[in-house]
Amino acid sequence: MNNVIILCIVIFFVRIIDTSLATMRTVMVVRDKTLFAFILAFFEVFVWFLIVREALDSASNNLLLIAISYSLGYASGVYVGMFLTDKFITTNVSVNIVVNEKKEIIKELIDSNFAVSVSKIKGKDLISNKFMIFVATTNKKVNDLKRIVTNIDEHAFIVVSENKTVIGGYK
């Protein structure tokens, strides 16, 4: 029984590793980072193959425990992979901010080294004048940007979208 428990623990942690690699590989594929995706894919499948082989070789009468360990490791690996991706992979994002008054927000954003573009727009009633502030930045700076905007206008409408590529603009 001790061997089964050890095997289940190993399966759990190895599944965290290979599933985290899979999550990060997927992000690299979407971002056209071919070499990184290739390297991550190799290690992901290599680790997966070794643990699946071990699990199937040992699955005789403890299949349920092994399946639970395998599944929990996978689920945990998705979570860890998402955390690692957010922490270590920088992505381009665009932020659209709709406000009634623009002057103070624009000043604070520029003072915080954000590049801004501004357009005059109509609100949902198609009558009231509002302003849309457009900012191209990275996912690492979005929380600072949101904090700046909401400290000045808690009713600002903010939409953050991920971009594959940003060309030109403020550096």
C-alpha atoms as a PDB file:
ATOM      1  CA  MET A   1       0.000   0.000   0.000  1.00  0.00           C
ATOM      2  CA  ASN A   2       2.907   2.378   0.726  1.00  0.00           C
ATOM      3  CA  ASN A   3       4.139   1.968  -2.845  1.00  0.00           C
ATOM      4  CA  VAL A   4       0.710   2.932  -4.172  1.00  0.00           C
ATOM      5  CA  ILE A   5       0.592   6.066  -2.003  1.00  0.00           C
ATOM      6  CA  ILE A   6       4.074   7.098  -3.139  1.00  0.00           C
ATOM      7  CA  LEU A   7       3.122   6.424  -6.758  1.00  0.00           C
ATOM      8  CA  CYS A   8      -0.052   8.507  -6.371  1.00  0.00           C
ATOM      9  CA  ILE A   9       1.950  11.412  -4.910  1.00  0.00           C
ATOM     10  CA  VAL A  10       4.501  11.190  -7.737  1.00  0.00           C
ATOM     11  CA  ILE A  11       1.735  11.049 -10.360  1.00  0.00           C
ATOM     12  CA  PHE A  12       0.022  14.064  -8.789  1.00  0.00           C
ATOM     13  CA  PHE A  13       3.141  16.247  -8.848  1.00  0.00           C
ATOM     14  CA  VAL A  14       4.372  15.126 -12.262  1.00  0.00           C
ATOM     15  CA  ARG A  15       0.934  15.881 -13.736  1.00  0.00           C
ATOM     16  CA  ILE A  16       1.215  19.377 -12.284  1.00  0.00           C
ATOM     17  CA  ILE A  17       4.514  19.779 -14.152  1.00  0.00           C
ATOM     18  CA  ASP A  18       3.370  18.444 -17.528  1.00  0.00           C
ATOM     19  CA  THR A  19       0.024  20.248 -17.452  1.00  0.00           C
ATOM     20  CA  SER A  20       1.687  23.527 -16.476  1.00  0.00           C
ATOM     21  CA  LEU A  21       4.013  23.082 -19.441  1.00  0.00           C
ATOM     22  CA  ALA A  22       0.975  22.415 -21.663  1.00  0.00           C
ATOM     23  CA  THR A  23      -0.747  25.571 -20.468  1.00  0.00           C
ATOM     24  CA  MET A  24       2.324  27.703 -21.110  1.00  0.00           C
ATOM     25  CA  ARG A  25       2.885  26.002 -24.492  1.00  0.00           C
ATOM     26  CA  THR A  26      -0.635  26.914 -25.541  1.00  0.00           C
ATOM     27  CA  VAL A  27       0.036  30.547 -24.690  1.00  0.00           C
ATOM     28  CA  MET A  28       3.269  30.437 -26.706  1.00  0.00           C
ATOM     29  CA  VAL A  29       1.436  28.974 -29.734  1.00  0.00           C
ATOM     30  CA  VAL A  30      -1.179  31.728 -29.607  1.00  0.00           C
ATOM     31  CA  ARG A  31       1.576  34.353 -29.429  1.00  0.00           C
ATOM     32  CA  ASP A  32       3.542  32.853 -32.359  1.00  0.00           C
ATOM     33  CA  LYS A  33       6.509  32.028 -30.122  1.00  0.00           C
ATOM     34  CA  THR A  34       7.333  28.943 -32.174  1.00  0.00           C
ATOM     35  CA  LEU A  35      10.672  27.989 -30.618  1.00  0.00           C
ATOM     36  CA  PHE A  36       9.384  28.298 -27.053  1.00  0.00           C
ATOM     37  CA  ALA A  37       6.261  26.319 -27.965  1.00  0.00           C
ATOM     38  CA  PHE A  38       8.419  23.610 -29.551  1.00  0.00           C
ATOM     39  CA  ILE A  39      10.665  23.279 -26.489  1.00  0.00           C
ATOM     40  CA  LEU A  40       7.758  23.279 -24.037  1.00  0.00           C
ATOM     41  CA  ALA A  41       5.883  20.709 -26.159  1.00  0.00           C
ATOM     42  CA  PHE A  42       8.857  18.354 -26.132  1.00  0.00           C
ATOM     43  CA  PHE A  43       9.233  18.415 -22.351  1.00  0.00           C
ATOM     44  CA  GLU A  44       5.476  18.321 -21.790  1.00  0.00           C
ATOM     45  CA  VAL A  45       5.028  15.107 -23.788  1.00  0.00           C
ATOM     46  CA  PHE A  46       8.242  13.548 -22.490  1.00  0.00           C
ATOM     47  CA  VAL A  47       7.150  13.999 -18.871  1.00  0.00           C
ATOM     48  CA  TRP A  48       3.590  12.936 -19.698  1.00  0.00           C
ATOM     49  CA  PHE A  49       4.756   9.761 -21.433  1.00  0.00           C
ATOM     50  CA  LEU A  50       6.943   8.715 -18.497  1.00  0.00           C
ATOM     51  CA  ILE A  51       4.224   9.187 -15.908  1.00  0.00           C
ATOM     52  CA  VAL A  52       1.486   7.559 -17.993  1.00  0.00           C
ATOM     53  CA  ARG A  53       3.716   4.549 -18.579  1.00  0.00           C
ATOM     54  CA  GLU A  54       4.395   4.275 -14.840  1.00  0.00           C
ATOM     55  CA  ALA A  55       0.732   4.711 -13.956  1.00  0.00           C
ATOM     56  CA  LEU A  56      -0.436   2.065 -16.415  1.00  0.00           C
ATOM     57  CA  ASP A  57       2.271  -0.398 -15.353  1.00  0.00           C
ATOM     58  CA  SER A  58       1.178  -0.055 -11.711  1.00  0.00           C
ATOM     59  CA  ALA A  59      -2.576   0.245 -12.160  1.00  0.00           C
ATOM     60  CA  SER A  60      -3.498  -3.370 -11.431  1.00  0.00           C
ATOM     61  CA  ASN A  61      -5.788  -3.188  -8.392  1.00  0.00           C
ATOM     62  CA  ASN A  62      -5.365   0.476  -7.456  1.00  0.00           C
ATOM     63  CA  LEU A  63      -6.757   2.040 -10.583  1.00  0.00           C
ATOM     64  CA  LEU A  64      -9.164   4.329  -8.724  1.00  0.00           C
ATOM     65  CA  LEU A  65      -6.461   5.913  -6.541  1.00  0.00           C
ATOM     66  CA  ILE A  66      -4.158   6.339  -9.521  1.00  0.00           C
ATOM     67  CA  ALA A  67      -6.958   7.881 -11.606  1.00  0.00           C
ATOM     68  CA  ILE A  68      -7.816  10.315  -8.800  1.00  0.00           C
ATOM     69  CA  SER A  69      -4.147  11.328  -8.408  1.00  0.00           C
ATOM     70  CA  TYR A  70      -3.807  11.730 -12.155  1.00  0.00           C
ATOM     71  CA  SER A  71      -6.947  13.875 -12.399  1.00  0.00           C
ATOM     72  CA  LEU A  72      -6.119  16.033  -9.368  1.00  0.00           C
ATOM     73  CA  GLY A  73      -2.614  16.584 -10.728  1.00  0.00           C
ATOM     74  CA  TYR A  74      -4.044  17.648 -14.075  1.00  0.00           C
ATOM     75  CA  ALA A  75      -6.510  20.081 -12.502  1.00  0.00           C
ATOM     76  CA  SER A  76      -3.814  21.511 -10.235  1.00  0.00           C
ATOM     77  CA  GLY A  77      -1.464  21.790 -13.222  1.00  0.00           C
ATOM     78  CA  VAL A  78      -3.969  23.934 -15.102  1.00  0.00           C
ATOM     79  CA  TYR A  79      -4.135  26.282 -12.109  1.00  0.00           C
ATOM     80  CA  VAL A  80      -0.340  26.380 -11.673  1.00  0.00           C
ATOM     81  CA  GLY A  81       0.167  26.858 -15.424  1.00  0.00           C
ATOM     82  CA  MET A  82      -2.219  29.809 -15.468  1.00  0.00           C
ATOM     83  CA  PHE A  83      -0.463  31.320 -12.452  1.00  0.00           C
ATOM     84  CA  LEU A  84       2.979  30.892 -14.065  1.00  0.00           C
ATOM     85  CA  THR A  85       1.725  32.322 -17.344  1.00  0.00           C
ATOM     86  CA  ASP A  86       0.319  35.406 -15.620  1.00  0.00           C
ATOM     87  CA  LYS A  87       3.452  35.839 -13.532  1.00  0.00           C
ATOM     88  CA  PHE A  88       6.180  35.267 -16.095  1.00  0.00           C
ATOM     89  CA  ILE A  89       4.803  35.862 -19.585  1.00  0.00           C
ATOM     90  CA  THR A  90       4.299  39.447 -20.682  1.00  0.00           C
ATOM     91  CA  THR A  91       1.486  40.077 -23.137  1.00  0.00           C
ATOM     92  CA  ASN A  92       0.331  43.111 -25.074  1.00  0.00           C
ATOM     93  CA  VAL A  93      -3.050  44.485 -24.089  1.00  0.00           C
ATOM     94  CA  SER A  94      -5.192  47.366 -25.205  1.00  0.00           C
ATOM     95  CA  VAL A  95      -7.304  49.230 -22.701  1.00  0.00           C
ATOM     96  CA  ASN A  96     -10.338  51.310 -23.635  1.00  0.00           C
ATOM     97  CA  ILE A  97     -11.530  53.634 -20.906  1.00  0.00           C
ATOM     98  CA  VAL A  98     -14.795  55.575 -21.200  1.00  0.00           C
ATOM     99  CA  VAL A  99     -15.127  58.610 -18.919  1.00  0.00           C
ATOM    100  CA  ASN A 100     -17.065  61.845 -18.649  1.00  0.00           C
ATOM    101  CA  GLU A 101     -14.040  63.997 -17.834  1.00  0.00           C
ATOM    102  CA  LYS A 102     -10.669  63.216 -19.332  1.00  0.00           C
ATOM    103  CA  LYS A 103      -8.189  65.858 -18.246  1.00  0.00           C
ATOM    104  CA  GLU A 104      -7.134  64.552 -14.801  1.00  0.00           C
ATOM    105  CA  ILE A 105      -7.059  60.911 -15.893  1.00  0.00           C
ATOM    106  CA  ILE A 106      -4.953  61.667 -18.960  1.00  0.00           C
ATOM    107  CA  LYS A 107      -2.515  63.722 -16.887  1.00  0.00           C
ATOM    108  CA  GLU A 108      -2.105  60.930 -14.321  1.00  0.00           C
ATOM    109  CA  LEU A 109      -1.683  58.268 -17.020  1.00  0.00           C
ATOM    110  CA  ILE A 110       0.949  60.313 -18.861  1.00  0.00           C
ATOM    111  CA  ASP A 111       2.729  61.091 -15.567  1.00  0.00           C
ATOM    112  CA  SER A 112       2.785  57.315 -14.959  1.00  0.00           C
ATOM    113  CA  ASN A 113       4.406  56.762 -18.379  1.00  0.00           C
ATOM    114  CA  PHE A 114       1.344  55.445 -20.215  1.00  0.00           C
ATOM    115  CA  ALA A 115       0.808  56.594 -23.798  1.00  0.00           C
ATOM    116  CA  VAL A 116      -2.776  57.673 -24.435  1.00  0.00           C
ATOM    117  CA  SER A 117      -5.007  58.472 -27.377  1.00  0.00           C
ATOM    118  CA  VAL A 118      -8.352  60.165 -26.832  1.00  0.00           C
ATOM    119  CA  SER A 119     -11.564  60.285 -28.857  1.00  0.00           C
ATOM    120  CA  LYS A 120     -14.812  62.085 -28.186  1.00  0.00           C
ATOM    121  CA  ILE A 121     -17.706  59.605 -28.229  1.00  0.00           C
ATOM    122  CA  LYS A 122     -21.441  59.444 -27.509  1.00  0.00           C
ATOM    123  CA  GLY A 123     -22.713  57.610 -24.453  1.00  0.00           C
ATOM    124  CA  LYS A 124     -25.375  54.903 -24.403  1.00  0.00           C
ATOM    125  CA  ASP A 125     -28.090  57.561 -24.725  1.00  0.00           C
ATOM    126  CA  LEU A 126     -26.364  58.778 -27.942  1.00  0.00           C
ATOM    127  CA  ILE A 127     -26.598  62.324 -26.612  1.00  0.00           C
ATOM    128  CA  SER A 128     -24.135  62.758 -23.768  1.00  0.00           C
ATOM    129  CA  ASN A 129     -20.562  63.500 -24.679  1.00  0.00           C
ATOM    130  CA  LYS A 130     -17.977  61.157 -23.258  1.00  0.00           C
ATOM    131  CA  PHE A 131     -14.360  60.442 -23.948  1.00  0.00           C
ATOM    132  CA  MET A 132     -12.661  57.191 -24.830  1.00  0.00           C
ATOM    133  CA  ILE A 133      -9.064  56.915 -23.743  1.00  0.00           C
ATOM    134  CA  PHE A 134      -7.089  54.230 -25.572  1.00  0.00           C
ATOM    135  CA  VAL A 135      -3.931  52.807 -24.027  1.00  0.00           C
ATOM    136  CA  ALA A 136      -1.661  50.070 -25.447  1.00  0.00           C
ATOM    137  CA  THR A 137       0.358  48.512 -22.627  1.00  0.00           C
ATOM    138  CA  THR A 138       1.260  45.124 -21.125  1.00  0.00           C
ATOM    139  CA  ASN A 139      -0.585  42.818 -18.781  1.00  0.00           C
ATOM    140  CA  LYS A 140       1.984  43.648 -16.086  1.00  0.00           C
ATOM    141  CA  LYS A 141       0.858  47.309 -16.012  1.00  0.00           C
ATOM    142  CA  VAL A 142      -2.919  46.859 -16.209  1.00  0.00           C
ATOM    143  CA  ASN A 143      -3.514  46.857 -12.450  1.00  0.00           C
ATOM    144  CA  ASP A 144      -1.630  50.147 -12.066  1.00  0.00           C
ATOM    145  CA  LEU A 145      -3.616  51.643 -14.937  1.00  0.00           C
ATOM    146  CA  LYS A 146      -6.955  50.508 -13.465  1.00  0.00           C
ATOM    147  CA  ARG A 147      -5.995  51.837 -10.044  1.00  0.00           C
ATOM    148  CA  ILE A 148      -5.096  55.266 -11.486  1.00  0.00           C
ATOM    149  CA  VAL A 149      -8.352  55.492 -13.449  1.00  0.00           C
ATOM    150  CA  THR A 150     -10.703  54.241 -10.717  1.00  0.00           C
ATOM    151  CA  ASN A 151      -9.084  56.465  -8.065  1.00  0.00           C
ATOM    152  CA  ILE A 152     -10.069  59.445 -10.193  1.00  0.00           C
ATOM    153  CA  ASP A 153     -13.355  58.133 -11.650  1.00  0.00           C
ATOM    154  CA  GLU A 154     -14.871  55.142  -9.884  1.00  0.00           C
ATOM    155  CA  HIS A 155     -17.576  54.966 -12.564  1.00  0.00           C
ATOM    156  CA  ALA A 156     -15.164  54.695 -15.496  1.00  0.00           C
ATOM    157  CA  PHE A 157     -15.962  51.946 -17.990  1.00  0.00           C
ATOM    158  CA  ILE A 158     -12.778  49.934 -18.646  1.00  0.00           C
ATOM    159  CA  VAL A 159     -12.326  47.181 -21.244  1.00  0.00           C
ATOM    160  CA  VAL A 160      -9.037  45.254 -21.438  1.00  0.00           C
ATOM    161  CA  SER A 161      -8.295  43.171 -24.535  1.00  0.00           C
ATOM    162  CA  GLU A 162      -5.296  41.008 -25.277  1.00  0.00           C
ATOM    163  CA  ASN A 163      -3.383  41.812 -28.469  1.00  0.00           C
ATOM    164  CA  LYS A 164      -1.161  39.550 -30.488  1.00  0.00           C
ATOM    165  CA  THR A 165       1.054  42.323 -31.862  1.00  0.00           C
ATOM    166  CA  VAL A 166       1.547  46.028 -31.311  1.00  0.00           C
ATOM    167  CA  ILE A 167       3.458  47.975 -33.959  1.00  0.00           C
ATOM    168  CA  GLY A 168       4.580  51.568 -33.595  1.00  0.00           C
ATOM    169  CA  GLY A 169       3.309  54.066 -31.101  1.00  0.00           C
ATOM    170  CA  TYR A 170       4.913  55.392 -27.951  1.00  0.00           C
ATOM    171  CA  LYS A 171       7.961  53.476 -26.682  1.00  0.00           C
END
